[in-house]
PDB file of N, CA and C in Angstrom:
ATOM      1  N   MET A   1      60.810 217.423  76.857  1.00  0.00           N
ATOM      2  CA  MET A   1      59.368 217.378  77.019  1.00  0.00           C
ATOM      3  C   MET A   1      58.958 215.916  77.196  1.00  0.00           C
ATOM      4  N   SER A   2      58.070 215.670  78.150  1.00  0.00           N
ATOM      5  CA  SER A   2      57.597 214.308  78.360  1.00  0.00           C
ATOM      6  C   SER A   2      56.078 214.267  78.244  1.00  0.00           C
ATOM      7  N   THR A   3      55.551 213.069  78.044  1.00  0.00           N
ATOM      8  CA  THR A   3      54.115 212.882  77.910  1.00  0.00           C
ATOM      9  C   THR A   3      53.606 212.102  79.107  1.00  0.00           C
ATOM     10  N   LEU A   4      52.557 212.620  79.732  1.00  0.00           N
ATOM     11  CA  LEU A   4      51.917 211.971  80.869  1.00  0.00           C
ATOM     12  C   LEU A   4      50.484 211.638  80.489  1.00  0.00           C
ATOM     13  N   LYS A   5      49.987 210.513  81.015  1.00  0.00           N
ATOM     14  CA  LYS A   5      48.600 210.112  80.751  1.00  0.00           C
ATOM     15  C   LYS A   5      47.881 209.887  82.069  1.00  0.00           C
ATOM     16  N   PHE A   6      46.621 210.344  82.115  1.00  0.00           N
ATOM     17  CA  PHE A   6      45.818 210.252  83.327  1.00  0.00           C
ATOM     18  C   PHE A   6      44.421 209.756  83.006  1.00  0.00           C
ATOM     19  N   LYS A   7      43.881 208.910  83.884  1.00  0.00           N
ATOM     20  CA  LYS A   7      42.468 208.536  83.850  1.00  0.00           C
ATOM     21  C   LYS A   7      41.731 209.653  84.575  1.00  0.00           C
ATOM     22  N   THR A   8      40.656 210.180  83.969  1.00  0.00           N
ATOM     23  CA  THR A   8      39.980 211.339  84.559  1.00  0.00           C
ATOM     24  C   THR A   8      38.469 211.136  84.671  1.00  0.00           C
ATOM     25  N   THR A   9      37.822 212.116  85.287  1.00  0.00           N
ATOM     26  CA  THR A   9      36.360 212.167  85.343  1.00  0.00           C
ATOM     27  C   THR A   9      35.822 213.254  84.409  1.00  0.00           C
ATOM     28  N   ILE A  10      36.625 213.635  83.418  1.00  0.00           N
ATOM     29  CA  ILE A  10      36.213 214.622  82.411  1.00  0.00           C
ATOM     30  C   ILE A  10      35.421 213.853  81.349  1.00  0.00           C
ATOM     31  N   LYS A  11      34.067 213.985  81.365  1.00  0.00           N
ATOM     32  CA  LYS A  11      33.210 213.090  80.592  1.00  0.00           C
ATOM     33  C   LYS A  11      32.667 213.637  79.279  1.00  0.00           C
ATOM     34  N   CYS A  12      32.514 214.956  79.177  1.00  0.00           N
ATOM     35  CA  CYS A  12      31.777 215.494  78.031  1.00  0.00           C
ATOM     36  C   CYS A  12      32.365 216.840  77.588  1.00  0.00           C
ATOM     37  N   SER A  13      31.775 217.405  76.556  1.00  0.00           N
ATOM     38  CA  SER A  13      32.269 218.690  76.054  1.00  0.00           C
ATOM     39  C   SER A  13      32.089 219.797  77.090  1.00  0.00           C
ATOM     40  N   GLY A  14      31.040 219.707  77.913  1.00  0.00           N
ATOM     41  CA  GLY A  14      30.850 220.686  78.983  1.00  0.00           C
ATOM     42  C   GLY A  14      31.965 220.605  80.009  1.00  0.00           C
ATOM     43  N   CYS A  15      32.372 219.381  80.334  1.00  0.00           N
ATOM     44  CA  CYS A  15      33.495 219.180  81.260  1.00  0.00           C
ATOM     45  C   CYS A  15      34.774 219.751  80.646  1.00  0.00           C
ATOM     46  N   LEU A  16      34.956 219.511  79.359  1.00  0.00           N
ATOM     47  CA  LEU A  16      36.140 220.049  78.676  1.00  0.00           C
ATOM     48  C   LEU A  16      36.151 221.572  78.744  1.00  0.00           C
ATOM     49  N   ALA A  17      34.990 222.181  78.555  1.00  0.00           N
ATOM     50  CA  ALA A  17      34.906 223.640  78.618  1.00  0.00           C
ATOM     51  C   ALA A  17      35.274 224.147  80.011  1.00  0.00           C
ATOM     52  N   ASN A  18      34.913 223.399  81.048  1.00  0.00           N
ATOM     53  CA  ASN A  18      35.242 223.795  82.416  1.00  0.00           C
ATOM     54  C   ASN A  18      36.729 223.670  82.725  1.00  0.00           C
ATOM     55  N   VAL A  19      37.358 222.622  82.224  1.00  0.00           N
ATOM     56  CA  VAL A  19      38.752 222.356  82.572  1.00  0.00           C
ATOM     57  C   VAL A  19      39.741 223.106  81.663  1.00  0.00           C
ATOM     58  N   THR A  20      39.301 223.501  80.475  1.00  0.00           N
ATOM     59  CA  THR A  20      40.199 224.148  79.507  1.00  0.00           C
ATOM     60  C   THR A  20      40.925 225.377  80.054  1.00  0.00           C
ATOM     61  N   PRO A  21      40.248 226.341  80.693  1.00  0.00           N
ATOM     62  CA  PRO A  21      40.988 227.521  81.174  1.00  0.00           C
ATOM     63  C   PRO A  21      42.061 227.161  82.212  1.00  0.00           C
ATOM     64  N   HIS A  22      41.794 226.142  83.005  1.00  0.00           N
ATOM     65  CA  HIS A  22      42.759 225.732  84.036  1.00  0.00           C
ATOM     66  C   HIS A  22      44.003 225.100  83.402  1.00  0.00           C
ATOM     67  N   LEU A  23      43.786 224.177  82.469  1.00  0.00           N
ATOM     68  CA  LEU A  23      44.928 223.511  81.831  1.00  0.00           C
ATOM     69  C   LEU A  23      45.684 224.463  80.911  1.00  0.00           C
ATOM     70  N   ASP A  24      44.962 225.336  80.213  1.00  0.00           N
ATOM     71  CA  ASP A  24      45.628 226.291  79.322  1.00  0.00           C
ATOM     72  C   ASP A  24      46.499 227.283  80.096  1.00  0.00           C
ATOM     73  N   ALA A  25      46.088 227.641  81.306  1.00  0.00           N
ATOM     74  CA  ALA A  25      46.821 228.630  82.102  1.00  0.00           C
ATOM     75  C   ALA A  25      47.937 228.010  82.942  1.00  0.00           C
ATOM     76  N   ALA A  26      47.955 226.699  83.046  1.00  0.00           N
ATOM     77  CA  ALA A  26      48.939 226.036  83.917  1.00  0.00           C
ATOM     78  C   ALA A  26      50.351 226.170  83.367  1.00  0.00           C
ATOM     79  N   GLU A  27      51.265 226.511  84.262  1.00  0.00           N
ATOM     80  CA  GLU A  27      52.678 226.596  83.884  1.00  0.00           C
ATOM     81  C   GLU A  27      53.215 225.196  83.630  1.00  0.00           C
ATOM     82  N   GLY A  28      54.016 225.045  82.600  1.00  0.00           N
ATOM     83  CA  GLY A  28      54.682 223.775  82.344  1.00  0.00           C
ATOM     84  C   GLY A  28      53.887 222.788  81.508  1.00  0.00           C
ATOM     85  N   ILE A  29      52.679 223.164  81.080  1.00  0.00           N
ATOM     86  CA  ILE A  29      51.906 222.289  80.196  1.00  0.00           C
ATOM     87  C   ILE A  29      51.960 222.882  78.791  1.00  0.00           C
ATOM     88  N   ALA A  30      52.595 222.141  77.873  1.00  0.00           N
ATOM     89  CA  ALA A  30      52.762 222.629  76.507  1.00  0.00           C
ATOM     90  C   ALA A  30      51.527 222.341  75.657  1.00  0.00           C
ATOM     91  N   LYS A  31      50.945 221.143  75.849  1.00  0.00           N
ATOM     92  CA  LYS A  31      49.812 220.720  75.029  1.00  0.00           C
ATOM     93  C   LYS A  31      49.056 219.657  75.814  1.00  0.00           C
ATOM     94  N   TRP A  32      47.754 219.593  75.626  1.00  0.00           N
ATOM     95  CA  TRP A  32      46.958 218.573  76.309  1.00  0.00           C
ATOM     96  C   TRP A  32      45.731 218.237  75.481  1.00  0.00           C
ATOM     97  N   GLU A  33      45.174 217.039  75.727  1.00  0.00           N
ATOM     98  CA  GLU A  33      43.919 216.641  75.102  1.00  0.00           C
ATOM     99  C   GLU A  33      43.281 215.543  75.937  1.00  0.00           C
ATOM    100  N   VAL A  34      41.950 215.462  75.875  1.00  0.00           N
ATOM    101  CA  VAL A  34      41.210 214.428  76.586  1.00  0.00           C
ATOM    102  C   VAL A  34      40.458 213.591  75.559  1.00  0.00           C
ATOM    103  N   ASP A  35      40.627 212.279  75.645  1.00  0.00           N
ATOM    104  CA  ASP A  35      39.894 211.352  74.780  1.00  0.00           C
ATOM    105  C   ASP A  35      38.604 210.973  75.511  1.00  0.00           C
ATOM    106  N   ILE A  36      37.524 211.736  75.267  1.00  0.00           N
ATOM    107  CA  ILE A  36      36.269 211.480  75.983  1.00  0.00           C
ATOM    108  C   ILE A  36      35.544 210.250  75.435  1.00  0.00           C
ATOM    109  N   LEU A  37      36.011 209.694  74.318  1.00  0.00           N
ATOM    110  CA  LEU A  37      35.421 208.467  73.784  1.00  0.00           C
ATOM    111  C   LEU A  37      35.996 207.232  74.469  1.00  0.00           C
ATOM    112  N   ASN A  38      37.168 207.368  75.071  1.00  0.00           N
ATOM    113  CA  ASN A  38      37.784 206.270  75.822  1.00  0.00           C
ATOM    114  C   ASN A  38      37.016 206.100  77.128  1.00  0.00           C
ATOM    115  N   PRO A  39      36.707 204.855  77.530  1.00  0.00           N
ATOM    116  CA  PRO A  39      35.962 204.651  78.788  1.00  0.00           C
ATOM    117  C   PRO A  39      36.662 205.248  80.018  1.00  0.00           C
ATOM    118  N   ASN A  40      37.986 205.374  79.963  1.00  0.00           N
ATOM    119  CA  ASN A  40      38.747 205.947  81.081  1.00  0.00           C
ATOM    120  C   ASN A  40      38.971 207.444  80.949  1.00  0.00           C
ATOM    121  N   LYS A  41      38.427 208.062  79.883  1.00  0.00           N
ATOM    122  CA  LYS A  41      38.530 209.518  79.678  1.00  0.00           C
ATOM    123  C   LYS A  41      39.979 209.979  79.844  1.00  0.00           C
ATOM    124  N   ILE A  42      40.851 209.478  78.987  1.00  0.00           N
ATOM    125  CA  ILE A  42      42.290 209.679  79.132  1.00  0.00           C
ATOM    126  C   ILE A  42      42.713 211.101  78.765  1.00  0.00           C
ATOM    127  N   LEU A  43      43.363 211.748  79.727  1.00  0.00           N
ATOM    128  CA  LEU A  43      43.984 213.058  79.525  1.00  0.00           C
ATOM    129  C   LEU A  43      45.446 212.813  79.187  1.00  0.00           C
ATOM    130  N   THR A  44      45.879 213.297  78.037  1.00  0.00           N
ATOM    131  CA  THR A  44      47.278 213.202  77.626  1.00  0.00           C
ATOM    132  C   THR A  44      47.866 214.601  77.687  1.00  0.00           C
ATOM    133  N   VAL A  45      48.966 214.731  78.421  1.00  0.00           N
ATOM    134  CA  VAL A  45      49.599 216.034  78.624  1.00  0.00           C
ATOM    135  C   VAL A  45      51.044 215.974  78.153  1.00  0.00           C
ATOM    136  N   GLU A  46      51.433 216.917  77.295  1.00  0.00           N
ATOM    137  CA  GLU A  46      52.843 217.096  76.952  1.00  0.00           C
ATOM    138  C   GLU A  46      53.360 218.190  77.867  1.00  0.00           C
ATOM    139  N   THR A  47      54.290 217.818  78.732  1.00  0.00           N
ATOM    140  CA  THR A  47      54.763 218.777  79.721  1.00  0.00           C
ATOM    141  C   THR A  47      56.011 219.501  79.250  1.00  0.00           C
ATOM    142  N   ALA A  48      56.121 220.720  79.731  1.00  0.00           N
ATOM    143  CA  ALA A  48      57.324 221.519  79.530  1.00  0.00           C
ATOM    144  C   ALA A  48      57.821 221.884  80.923  1.00  0.00           C
ATOM    145  N   GLY A  49      57.839 220.871  81.802  1.00  0.00           N
ATOM    146  CA  GLY A  49      58.318 221.088  83.156  1.00  0.00           C
ATOM    147  C   GLY A  49      57.320 220.768  84.248  1.00  0.00           C
ATOM    148  N   ALA A  50      56.035 220.618  83.927  1.00  0.00           N
ATOM    149  CA  ALA A  50      55.023 220.318  84.945  1.00  0.00           C
ATOM    150  C   ALA A  50      55.172 218.874  85.410  1.00  0.00           C
ATOM    151  N   SER A  51      55.043 218.684  86.711  1.00  0.00           N
ATOM    152  CA  SER A  51      55.133 217.333  87.267  1.00  0.00           C
ATOM    153  C   SER A  51      53.767 216.661  87.232  1.00  0.00           C
ATOM    154  N   GLU A  52      53.777 215.351  87.469  1.00  0.00           N
ATOM    155  CA  GLU A  52      52.542 214.581  87.544  1.00  0.00           C
ATOM    156  C   GLU A  52      51.615 215.179  88.610  1.00  0.00           C
ATOM    157  N   ALA A  53      52.162 215.496  89.781  1.00  0.00           N
ATOM    158  CA  ALA A  53      51.371 216.057  90.883  1.00  0.00           C
ATOM    159  C   ALA A  53      50.785 217.419  90.516  1.00  0.00           C
ATOM    160  N   GLU A  54      51.532 218.222  89.777  1.00  0.00           N
ATOM    161  CA  GLU A  54      51.040 219.547  89.372  1.00  0.00           C
ATOM    162  C   GLU A  54      49.866 219.424  88.407  1.00  0.00           C
ATOM    163  N   VAL A  55      49.946 218.479  87.468  1.00  0.00           N
ATOM    164  CA  VAL A  55      48.845 218.275  86.521  1.00  0.00           C
ATOM    165  C   VAL A  55      47.598 217.807  87.272  1.00  0.00           C
ATOM    166  N   ILE A  56      47.768 216.852  88.187  1.00  0.00           N
ATOM    167  CA  ILE A  56      46.641 216.357  88.982  1.00  0.00           C
ATOM    168  C   ILE A  56      46.012 217.500  89.780  1.00  0.00           C
ATOM    169  N   ALA A  57      46.833 218.363  90.357  1.00  0.00           N
ATOM    170  CA  ALA A  57      46.333 219.498  91.141  1.00  0.00           C
ATOM    171  C   ALA A  57      45.511 220.455  90.276  1.00  0.00           C
ATOM    172  N   VAL A  58      45.944 220.701  89.052  1.00  0.00           N
ATOM    173  CA  VAL A  58      45.214 221.592  88.143  1.00  0.00           C
ATOM    174  C   VAL A  58      43.851 220.988  87.804  1.00  0.00           C
ATOM    175  N   VAL A  59      43.825 219.696  87.498  1.00  0.00           N
ATOM    176  CA  VAL A  59      42.566 219.022  87.165  1.00  0.00           C
ATOM    177  C   VAL A  59      41.625 219.046  88.372  1.00  0.00           C
ATOM    178  N   GLU A  60      42.164 218.796  89.560  1.00  0.00           N
ATOM    179  CA  GLU A  60      41.345 218.810  90.777  1.00  0.00           C
ATOM    180  C   GLU A  60      40.815 220.206  91.089  1.00  0.00           C
ATOM    181  N   LYS A  61      41.614 221.226  90.815  1.00  0.00           N
ATOM    182  CA  LYS A  61      41.171 222.612  91.020  1.00  0.00           C
ATOM    183  C   LYS A  61      39.969 222.931  90.128  1.00  0.00           C
ATOM    184  N   ALA A  62      39.926 222.298  88.963  1.00  0.00           N
ATOM    185  CA  ALA A  62      38.820 222.499  88.028  1.00  0.00           C
ATOM    186  C   ALA A  62      37.588 221.683  88.431  1.00  0.00           C
ATOM    187  N   GLY A  63      37.738 220.805  89.433  1.00  0.00           N
ATOM    188  CA  GLY A  63      36.594 220.045  89.930  1.00  0.00           C
ATOM    189  C   GLY A  63      36.512 218.615  89.442  1.00  0.00           C
ATOM    190  N   TYR A  64      37.607 218.091  88.914  1.00  0.00           N
ATOM    191  CA  TYR A  64      37.627 216.729  88.370  1.00  0.00           C
ATOM    192  C   TYR A  64      38.747 215.941  89.042  1.00  0.00           C
ATOM    193  N   THR A  65      38.766 214.632  88.802  1.00  0.00           N
ATOM    194  CA  THR A  65      39.851 213.820  89.348  1.00  0.00           C
ATOM    195  C   THR A  65      40.725 213.314  88.225  1.00  0.00           C
ATOM    196  N   ALA A  66      41.986 213.072  88.544  1.00  0.00           N
ATOM    197  CA  ALA A  66      42.943 212.519  87.588  1.00  0.00           C
ATOM    198  C   ALA A  66      43.824 211.522  88.314  1.00  0.00           C
ATOM    199  N   GLU A  67      44.068 210.404  87.664  1.00  0.00           N
ATOM    200  CA  GLU A  67      44.902 209.347  88.245  1.00  0.00           C
ATOM    201  C   GLU A  67      45.885 208.898  87.184  1.00  0.00           C
ATOM    202  N   LYS A  68      47.158 208.899  87.507  1.00  0.00           N
ATOM    203  CA  LYS A  68      48.213 208.539  86.551  1.00  0.00           C
ATOM    204  C   LYS A  68      48.012 207.118  86.044  1.00  0.00           C
ATOM    205  N   VAL A  69      48.159 206.929  84.747  1.00  0.00           N
ATOM    206  CA  VAL A  69      48.164 205.600  84.141  1.00  0.00           C
ATOM    207  C   VAL A  69      49.491 205.419  83.424  1.00  0.00           C
ATOM    208  N   SER A  70      49.891 204.163  83.275  1.00  0.00           N
ATOM    209  CA  SER A  70      51.205 203.906  82.647  1.00  0.00           C
ATOM    210  C   SER A  70      51.120 203.925  81.146  1.00  0.00           C
TER     211      SER A  70
END
């Protein structure tokens, strides 16, 4: 299992409510959380096989953007 971090446009609890069903249903994502208090709105994902591109695609499908950070 690896951990990926992304800068996102997920800003508030309403945004979290919108993206939750998408991330929860995604194959290969074991656990995730968004730090909405961080200015970069960091999404941390523990993957069980999902690639960086797959996580970005799920976030974009929900209507938000995600950009990999180191």
